[in-house]
Protein backbone atom coordinates (compact mmCIF):
# COMPACT_ATOMS: atom_id res chain seq x y z
CA MET A 1 0.44 0.14 -0.33
CA ILE A 2 1.12 3.87 -0.72
CA THR A 3 1.33 5.41 2.01
CA LYS A 4 0.98 9.74 2.05
CA ASN A 5 4.71 9.39 4.08
CA GLU A 6 6.10 7.09 0.49
CA ILE A 7 4.16 10.03 -1.75
CA ASP A 8 6.40 12.85 0.87
CA VAL A 9 9.61 10.69 0.47
CA GLN A 10 9.71 9.98 -3.59
CA ILE A 11 8.52 13.76 -4.48
CA ALA A 12 12.26 14.66 -1.39
CA LEU A 13 14.40 12.25 -3.28
CA GLY A 14 12.98 13.49 -7.12
CA THR A 15 11.63 9.46 -7.89
CA VAL A 16 8.37 11.81 -9.16
CA ASP A 17 8.38 15.46 -9.80
CA THR A 18 5.32 15.71 -12.33
CA PRO A 19 1.64 15.97 -11.15
CA GLN A 20 1.32 13.16 -13.58
CA GLN A 21 3.28 10.59 -11.35
CA ILE A 22 2.26 11.79 -8.36
CA ALA A 23 -1.56 11.02 -9.90
CA ARG A 24 -0.01 7.94 -10.63
CA LEU A 25 0.70 7.20 -7.04
CA VAL A 26 -3.19 9.12 -5.51
CA ARG A 27 -4.76 6.54 -7.55
CA ASN A 28 -3.08 3.38 -6.24
CA THR A 29 -3.13 4.27 -2.11
CA VAL A 30 -5.60 3.27 -0.28
CA ASP A 31 -3.87 5.51 2.68
CA VAL A 32 -6.97 7.87 3.46
CA GLU A 33 -4.89 10.21 5.15
CA ALA A 34 -2.80 10.16 1.82
CA LEU A 35 -6.00 11.14 -0.37
CA GLU A 36 -6.67 14.24 2.02
CA TRP A 37 -3.44 15.65 1.25
CA ALA A 38 -4.22 15.04 -3.26
CA ILE A 39 -7.86 16.33 -3.15
CA LYS A 40 -6.39 19.74 -1.62
CA TYR A 41 -3.25 19.33 -3.75
CA ARG A 42 -2.52 22.88 -6.22
CA ASN A 43 -2.59 20.63 -9.18
CA THR A 44 -5.99 19.65 -10.85
CA LYS A 45 -4.11 15.66 -12.39
CA VAL A 46 -3.49 15.07 -8.69
CA ARG A 47 -7.22 15.96 -7.33
CA ALA A 48 -8.43 13.70 -9.99
CA ALA A 49 -6.60 10.79 -9.08
CA ALA A 50 -7.73 11.52 -5.35
CA ILE A 51 -11.71 11.66 -6.46
CA ASN A 52 -11.40 9.26 -9.22
CA ASN A 53 -9.95 6.22 -6.44
CA ALA A 54 -12.26 4.57 -4.40
CA ALA A 55 -11.14 4.62 -1.29
CA LEU A 56 -12.00 8.14 -1.59
CA PRO A 57 -14.14 8.64 1.74
CA ILE A 58 -17.35 10.21 0.52
CA GLY A 59 -17.63 13.45 3.36
CA LEU A 60 -13.71 13.58 1.14
CA LEU A 61 -15.48 13.56 -2.05
CA LEU A 62 -18.60 16.63 -0.66
CA CYS A 63 -16.20 18.13 0.34
CA ALA A 64 -14.37 18.29 -2.68
CA CYS A 65 -18.02 18.88 -4.42
CA VAL A 66 -18.29 22.26 -1.98
CA PHE A 67 -14.41 24.12 -2.12
CA GLU A 68 -12.95 22.08 -6.27
CA THR A 69 -12.50 26.03 -8.44
CA SER A 70 -11.87 24.53 -11.38
CA LYS A 71 -13.51 23.06 -14.18
CA THR A 72 -12.27 20.56 -15.37
CA THR A 73 -12.04 18.78 -12.00
CA LYS A 74 -15.62 19.93 -11.16
CA GLU A 75 -16.55 17.54 -14.73
CA VAL A 76 -14.82 14.29 -12.64
CA LEU A 77 -16.53 15.31 -9.29
CA GLU A 78 -19.78 15.09 -11.43
CA ARG A 79 -19.12 12.05 -13.11
CA VAL A 80 -17.92 9.78 -9.37
CA VAL A 81 -20.51 11.44 -7.55
CA SER A 82 -23.01 9.81 -10.40
CA GLU A 83 -21.68 6.56 -10.30
CA ARG A 84 -21.31 6.61 -5.90
CA ARG A 85 -25.01 8.08 -5.52
CA GLY A 86 -26.14 5.07 -3.58
CA GLU A 87 -23.44 4.82 -1.02
CA ILE A 88 -24.28 8.58 -0.96
CA GLU A 89 -28.07 8.08 -0.60
CA CYS A 90 -26.83 5.86 2.27
CA VAL A 91 -24.78 7.92 4.67
CA LEU A 92 -27.68 10.51 3.85
CA ASN A 93 -30.15 8.34 5.13
CA VAL A 94 -27.91 6.98 8.54
CA ILE A 95 -28.04 10.95 9.22
CA LYS A 96 -31.25 11.61 8.32
CA TYR A 97 -32.44 8.68 10.91
CA TYR A 98 -30.08 8.17 13.16
CA PRO A 99 -28.80 12.24 13.85
CA GLN A 100 -26.80 11.70 17.00
CA LEU A 101 -24.98 9.34 15.01
CA SER A 102 -23.68 13.21 12.73
CA MET A 103 -23.62 15.43 16.14
CA ASP A 104 -21.08 17.27 16.69
CA TRP A 105 -18.63 15.48 19.36
CA ASN A 106 -16.84 18.43 20.56
CA ASP A 107 -19.22 20.83 21.26
CA ALA A 108 -20.57 18.41 23.70
CA ALA A 109 -16.27 18.79 25.37
CA THR A 110 -17.41 22.33 24.87
CA PRO A 111 -17.92 23.88 28.21
CA LYS A 112 -20.28 26.98 28.09
CA HIS A 113 -20.71 30.61 28.75
CA SER A 114 -23.17 31.61 30.60
């Protein structure tokens, strides 16, 4: 499995230095940390590779829908969201029927000031 650390090392060593080479690594990883990094990467080819990766969690996919600015990558997003529609509907149904699973647990730990 290709991890985020392995990608960082290969970039640092110069083994991979083009967006196409980085995108190839991203397409072949199942490491969520690497995919999260790639979805925020400055190059659209790398972001598109992360979006096309079936291991990308639904939450990151939906975040990309909100924050992506590139027209090319938005087209990829539309296709992938369409392909993964069943998964997205499943997640939304869980949130609908079990809203306590979607609550912000940090709010419970934060003291309320009066």
